[in-house]
Amino acid sequence: MSFLRRVITRVRQIKQAHDDAKEGRQQVGVDRYQNRYYQYYDAEGNETKRICEYAKRFAGDDELDLYWDAWLKHKQRDPPSPEVLKQFYAEEEQFREAALNYEKRDSEMMAKHRREQEQRAKQETPKTTQAQGFGHQFEPGKWNPGSKKK
């Protein structure tokens, strides 16, 4: 089975190379989402346009590798090399881990703060049977209106 799979894969690669030559394009790279990036050439061999063929039919912006974006928009002459991409991905992973650690510490700190606030609120507001406060701060407690005056 694996022999047959290798043959089919190789046939697809040859067909893809033939189609690319016929269309006047060259594949310059593949990103981590398996999107393929192509450079098109005119009849004289001058570079014309650059495109990305998405691996998935309905890919969104979150499935486009940002490191290829500058090349696609002609802001960068050469496509990113595999070494540069590897470095970018490693830095991105470090940044993601740092952000997750920050979020974890922040949520722990906020939970601790909420618990402390609840403790303080319980200690500062003694239970009373007297009516307290005015206006919107009024707390009825145990209200006894008294006797009527005649």
C-alpha atoms as a PDB file:
ATOM      1  CA  MET A   1       0.000   0.000   0.000  1.00  0.00           C
ATOM      2  CA  SER A   2       2.763   2.459   0.849  1.00  0.00           C
ATOM      3  CA  PHE A   3       4.399   1.822  -2.552  1.00  0.00           C
ATOM      4  CA  LEU A   4       1.151   2.680  -4.302  1.00  0.00           C
ATOM      5  CA  ARG A   5       0.755   5.785  -2.169  1.00  0.00           C
ATOM      6  CA  ARG A   6       4.298   6.937  -3.047  1.00  0.00           C
ATOM      7  CA  VAL A   7       3.624   6.393  -6.769  1.00  0.00           C
ATOM      8  CA  ILE A   8       0.392   8.391  -6.608  1.00  0.00           C
ATOM      9  CA  THR A   9       2.120  11.192  -4.674  1.00  0.00           C
ATOM     10  CA  ARG A  10       4.942  11.330  -7.215  1.00  0.00           C
ATOM     11  CA  VAL A  11       2.481  11.398 -10.145  1.00  0.00           C
ATOM     12  CA  ARG A  12       0.647  14.315  -8.494  1.00  0.00           C
ATOM     13  CA  GLN A  13       3.942  16.180  -8.017  1.00  0.00           C
ATOM     14  CA  ILE A  14       4.869  15.711 -11.685  1.00  0.00           C
ATOM     15  CA  LYS A  15       1.396  16.847 -12.795  1.00  0.00           C
ATOM     16  CA  GLN A  16       1.631  19.896 -10.498  1.00  0.00           C
ATOM     17  CA  ALA A  17       5.061  20.822 -11.910  1.00  0.00           C
ATOM     18  CA  HIS A  18       3.709  20.470 -15.458  1.00  0.00           C
ATOM     19  CA  ASP A  19       0.681  22.653 -14.682  1.00  0.00           C
ATOM     20  CA  ASP A  20       2.912  25.251 -13.007  1.00  0.00           C
ATOM     21  CA  ALA A  21       5.207  25.432 -16.048  1.00  0.00           C
ATOM     22  CA  LYS A  22       2.196  25.721 -18.364  1.00  0.00           C
ATOM     23  CA  GLU A  23       0.771  28.610 -16.312  1.00  0.00           C
ATOM     24  CA  GLY A  24       4.121  30.368 -16.007  1.00  0.00           C
ATOM     25  CA  ARG A  25       4.419  30.083 -12.270  1.00  0.00           C
ATOM     26  CA  GLN A  26       6.821  28.610  -9.755  1.00  0.00           C
ATOM     27  CA  GLN A  27       6.069  27.362  -6.268  1.00  0.00           C
ATOM     28  CA  VAL A  28       8.326  29.240  -3.856  1.00  0.00           C
ATOM     29  CA  GLY A  29       7.182  27.833  -0.545  1.00  0.00           C
ATOM     30  CA  VAL A  30       4.701  26.175   1.774  1.00  0.00           C
ATOM     31  CA  ASP A  31       3.680  27.513   5.196  1.00  0.00           C
ATOM     32  CA  ARG A  32       2.752  25.712   8.400  1.00  0.00           C
ATOM     33  CA  TYR A  33      -0.907  25.538   7.330  1.00  0.00           C
ATOM     34  CA  GLN A  34       0.130  23.771   4.089  1.00  0.00           C
ATOM     35  CA  ASN A  35      -0.829  26.802   1.979  1.00  0.00           C
ATOM     36  CA  ARG A  36       1.282  27.012  -1.196  1.00  0.00           C
ATOM     37  CA  TYR A  37       2.844  30.259  -2.417  1.00  0.00           C
ATOM     38  CA  TYR A  38       3.518  30.905  -6.092  1.00  0.00           C
ATOM     39  CA  GLN A  39       5.421  33.481  -8.146  1.00  0.00           C
ATOM     40  CA  TYR A  40       4.081  34.110 -11.665  1.00  0.00           C
ATOM     41  CA  TYR A  41       6.275  35.132 -14.601  1.00  0.00           C
ATOM     42  CA  ASP A  42       5.477  36.737 -17.935  1.00  0.00           C
ATOM     43  CA  ALA A  43       6.759  35.518 -21.331  1.00  0.00           C
ATOM     44  CA  GLU A  44      10.089  37.370 -20.866  1.00  0.00           C
ATOM     45  CA  GLY A  45      10.635  35.812 -17.435  1.00  0.00           C
ATOM     46  CA  ASN A  46       9.820  38.942 -15.402  1.00  0.00           C
ATOM     47  CA  GLU A  47       8.031  38.528 -12.094  1.00  0.00           C
ATOM     48  CA  THR A  48       4.386  39.564 -12.315  1.00  0.00           C
ATOM     49  CA  LYS A  49       2.145  38.481  -9.466  1.00  0.00           C
ATOM     50  CA  ARG A  50       2.300  36.444  -6.304  1.00  0.00           C
ATOM     51  CA  ILE A  51      -0.504  34.306  -4.949  1.00  0.00           C
ATOM     52  CA  CYS A  52      -1.352  31.889  -2.169  1.00  0.00           C
ATOM     53  CA  GLU A  53      -3.346  28.731  -2.780  1.00  0.00           C
ATOM     54  CA  TYR A  54      -5.026  27.759   0.463  1.00  0.00           C
ATOM     55  CA  ALA A  55      -4.829  24.178   1.657  1.00  0.00           C
ATOM     56  CA  LYS A  56      -8.478  24.368   2.745  1.00  0.00           C
ATOM     57  CA  ARG A  57     -11.190  25.510   0.398  1.00  0.00           C
ATOM     58  CA  PHE A  58     -12.683  28.100   2.753  1.00  0.00           C
ATOM     59  CA  ALA A  59      -9.636  29.325   4.646  1.00  0.00           C
ATOM     60  CA  GLY A  60      -9.911  32.489   6.681  1.00  0.00           C
ATOM     61  CA  ASP A  61      -7.369  35.120   7.593  1.00  0.00           C
ATOM     62  CA  ASP A  62      -6.337  33.106  10.626  1.00  0.00           C
ATOM     63  CA  GLU A  63      -5.039  30.393   8.291  1.00  0.00           C
ATOM     64  CA  LEU A  64      -2.717  32.688   6.347  1.00  0.00           C
ATOM     65  CA  ASP A  65       0.816  32.774   7.655  1.00  0.00           C
ATOM     66  CA  LEU A  66       1.719  36.367   8.513  1.00  0.00           C
ATOM     67  CA  TYR A  67       5.381  35.828   7.698  1.00  0.00           C
ATOM     68  CA  TRP A  68       4.475  35.314   4.048  1.00  0.00           C
ATOM     69  CA  ASP A  69       2.260  38.405   3.945  1.00  0.00           C
ATOM     70  CA  ALA A  70       5.076  40.872   3.245  1.00  0.00           C
ATOM     71  CA  TRP A  71       6.279  38.765   0.329  1.00  0.00           C
ATOM     72  CA  LEU A  72       2.754  38.439  -1.082  1.00  0.00           C
ATOM     73  CA  LYS A  73       2.299  42.229  -0.981  1.00  0.00           C
ATOM     74  CA  HIS A  74       5.646  42.858  -2.711  1.00  0.00           C
ATOM     75  CA  LYS A  75       7.123  44.503   0.386  1.00  0.00           C
ATOM     76  CA  GLN A  76       9.832  41.863   0.452  1.00  0.00           C
ATOM     77  CA  ARG A  77      11.751  40.778  -2.650  1.00  0.00           C
ATOM     78  CA  ASP A  78      12.577  37.218  -1.619  1.00  0.00           C
ATOM     79  CA  PRO A  79      10.270  34.739   0.089  1.00  0.00           C
ATOM     80  CA  PRO A  80      11.128  33.843   3.685  1.00  0.00           C
ATOM     81  CA  SER A  81      13.636  31.017   3.952  1.00  0.00           C
ATOM     82  CA  PRO A  82      12.896  27.884   6.005  1.00  0.00           C
ATOM     83  CA  GLU A  83      15.521  28.963   8.571  1.00  0.00           C
ATOM     84  CA  VAL A  84      13.925  32.387   9.014  1.00  0.00           C
ATOM     85  CA  LEU A  85      10.468  30.816   9.297  1.00  0.00           C
ATOM     86  CA  LYS A  86      11.733  28.368  11.900  1.00  0.00           C
ATOM     87  CA  GLN A  87      13.138  31.271  13.943  1.00  0.00           C
ATOM     88  CA  PHE A  88       9.884  33.252  13.600  1.00  0.00           C
ATOM     89  CA  TYR A  89       7.810  30.256  14.701  1.00  0.00           C
ATOM     90  CA  ALA A  90      10.063  29.639  17.724  1.00  0.00           C
ATOM     91  CA  GLU A  91       9.788  33.303  18.793  1.00  0.00           C
ATOM     92  CA  GLU A  92       6.022  33.192  18.288  1.00  0.00           C
ATOM     93  CA  GLU A  93       5.745  30.085  20.464  1.00  0.00           C
ATOM     94  CA  GLN A  94       7.815  31.745  23.219  1.00  0.00           C
ATOM     95  CA  PHE A  95       5.554  34.798  23.044  1.00  0.00           C
ATOM     96  CA  ARG A  96       2.437  32.590  23.219  1.00  0.00           C
ATOM     97  CA  GLU A  97       3.785  30.746  26.279  1.00  0.00           C
ATOM     98  CA  ALA A  98       4.651  34.039  27.996  1.00  0.00           C
ATOM     99  CA  ALA A  99       1.149  35.353  27.295  1.00  0.00           C
ATOM    100  CA  LEU A 100      -0.468  32.196  28.678  1.00  0.00           C
ATOM    101  CA  ASN A 101       1.683  32.403  31.813  1.00  0.00           C
ATOM    102  CA  TYR A 102       0.710  36.060  32.240  1.00  0.00           C
ATOM    103  CA  GLU A 103      -2.985  35.211  31.843  1.00  0.00           C
ATOM    104  CA  LYS A 104      -2.684  32.431  34.411  1.00  0.00           C
ATOM    105  CA  ARG A 105      -0.924  34.672  36.949  1.00  0.00           C
ATOM    106  CA  ASP A 106      -3.433  37.454  36.311  1.00  0.00           C
ATOM    107  CA  SER A 107      -6.464  35.208  36.833  1.00  0.00           C
ATOM    108  CA  GLU A 108      -4.940  33.801  40.052  1.00  0.00           C
ATOM    109  CA  MET A 109      -4.243  37.321  41.296  1.00  0.00           C
ATOM    110  CA  MET A 110      -7.791  38.468  40.472  1.00  0.00           C
ATOM    111  CA  ALA A 111      -9.303  35.436  42.221  1.00  0.00           C
ATOM    112  CA  LYS A 112      -7.202  36.168  45.323  1.00  0.00           C
ATOM    113  CA  HIS A 113      -8.259  39.828  45.208  1.00  0.00           C
ATOM    114  CA  ARG A 114     -11.952  38.883  44.976  1.00  0.00           C
ATOM    115  CA  ARG A 115     -11.632  36.525  47.947  1.00  0.00           C
ATOM    116  CA  GLU A 116      -9.926  39.272  49.995  1.00  0.00           C
ATOM    117  CA  GLN A 117     -12.647  41.751  49.036  1.00  0.00           C
ATOM    118  CA  GLU A 118     -15.356  39.315  50.133  1.00  0.00           C
ATOM    119  CA  GLN A 119     -13.575  38.733  53.447  1.00  0.00           C
ATOM    120  CA  ARG A 120     -13.271  42.487  54.060  1.00  0.00           C
ATOM    121  CA  ALA A 121     -16.911  43.028  53.183  1.00  0.00           C
ATOM    122  CA  LYS A 122     -18.001  40.376  55.669  1.00  0.00           C
ATOM    123  CA  GLN A 123     -15.844  41.875  58.426  1.00  0.00           C
ATOM    124  CA  GLU A 124     -16.767  45.525  57.817  1.00  0.00           C
ATOM    125  CA  THR A 125     -20.552  45.222  57.617  1.00  0.00           C
ATOM    126  CA  PRO A 126     -21.867  44.022  60.943  1.00  0.00           C
ATOM    127  CA  LYS A 127     -25.385  42.626  61.043  1.00  0.00           C
ATOM    128  CA  THR A 128     -27.759  45.065  62.672  1.00  0.00           C
ATOM    129  CA  THR A 129     -31.397  45.293  63.498  1.00  0.00           C
ATOM    130  CA  GLN A 130     -31.381  49.100  63.257  1.00  0.00           C
ATOM    131  CA  ALA A 131     -32.354  50.974  60.131  1.00  0.00           C
ATOM    132  CA  GLN A 132     -29.261  52.565  58.596  1.00  0.00           C
ATOM    133  CA  GLY A 133     -28.382  55.055  55.878  1.00  0.00           C
ATOM    134  CA  PHE A 134     -30.249  57.594  53.775  1.00  0.00           C
ATOM    135  CA  GLY A 135     -31.459  57.562  50.178  1.00  0.00           C
ATOM    136  CA  HIS A 136     -30.061  54.794  47.999  1.00  0.00           C
ATOM    137  CA  GLN A 137     -27.818  53.629  50.862  1.00  0.00           C
ATOM    138  CA  PHE A 138     -30.778  52.926  53.160  1.00  0.00           C
ATOM    139  CA  GLU A 139     -30.755  49.434  54.705  1.00  0.00           C
ATOM    140  CA  PRO A 140     -34.000  48.629  56.520  1.00  0.00           C
ATOM    141  CA  GLY A 141     -32.702  46.176  59.116  1.00  0.00           C
ATOM    142  CA  LYS A 142     -35.603  45.547  61.493  1.00  0.00           C
ATOM    143  CA  TRP A 143     -38.030  48.394  60.978  1.00  0.00           C
ATOM    144  CA  ASN A 144     -40.500  49.270  63.763  1.00  0.00           C
ATOM    145  CA  PRO A 145     -42.583  52.322  62.883  1.00  0.00           C
ATOM    146  CA  GLY A 146     -43.579  53.148  66.454  1.00  0.00           C
ATOM    147  CA  SER A 147     -46.983  54.326  67.657  1.00  0.00           C
ATOM    148  CA  LYS A 148     -49.340  56.749  65.982  1.00  0.00           C
ATOM    149  CA  LYS A 149     -49.640  60.224  67.466  1.00  0.00           C
ATOM    150  CA  LYS A 150     -53.137  61.597  68.064  1.00  0.00           C
END
